[in-house]
Amino acid sequence: LFISHVRLLREALLVALNDATGVEAFGACSRDTAEAVALEFAPSLIVVDASHPEGATLVAAVQARVTTVRVIVLATRERDEDLLIWAKIGVSGYLSSDTSAHDLISTMHRVNAGETAYPPNLTAFLMSRLADRGNDGSTRAGIHTLTCRERDIAALLAEGLSNKLIARRLGIAVATAKNHIHSILEKW
């Protein structure tokens, strides 16, 4: 399900994904009907336009009632405070404005398979914010719930390393690195 207040974007995304393998794009709507449509059809995945005036509020409301839904945000601008809002409500993916249709489809498949999908620079920003909060004592308990390996990976994420580079540096499979990152984000 695609949610955007821009009709052209909604229609273009549906057209682009109609031919995509493994994607069933069943609808696109504006804020006015999004919650009702999501409740009626219980989609596994919602892609929301981050420039939507009440997008975060809407997504939080839908997630509260359709607990299995996963959310990908299409950002038109990358402001730190926007990223924090989306991260706090628990979106599974975040794509910047220069994302291609291929990247969107790939991210949809990854998120639908249970992975999180944040670009390395945004993951590094989130991890540095988490580290800053840990230094002020407000999240120390959460930090201590990370395993030693997860703390190692969190430090590498804070440096801005991609999943592939983390795996190479630690001598583990990329899928293993992704699993650890998913666990870190879940604990966060």
Foldseek 3Di string as FASTA:
>chain_A
DEEDPDPVVQVVLCVLCPPPPPDDDDGYDYLVCVLVVCLVPVDQEYEYELVRPCVLVSVLVNCVRSVNHAYEYEYADDDLVSLVSVLVSPHQYYHYPPDDSVNVSVCVVQVSVPFGYYQLVNQLVVLVVVVVCVVVVNCVVLVVVQDPLLVVLSVVSVVSDDLVVSCVVVVHDSVVSRVSVSVSSVSD
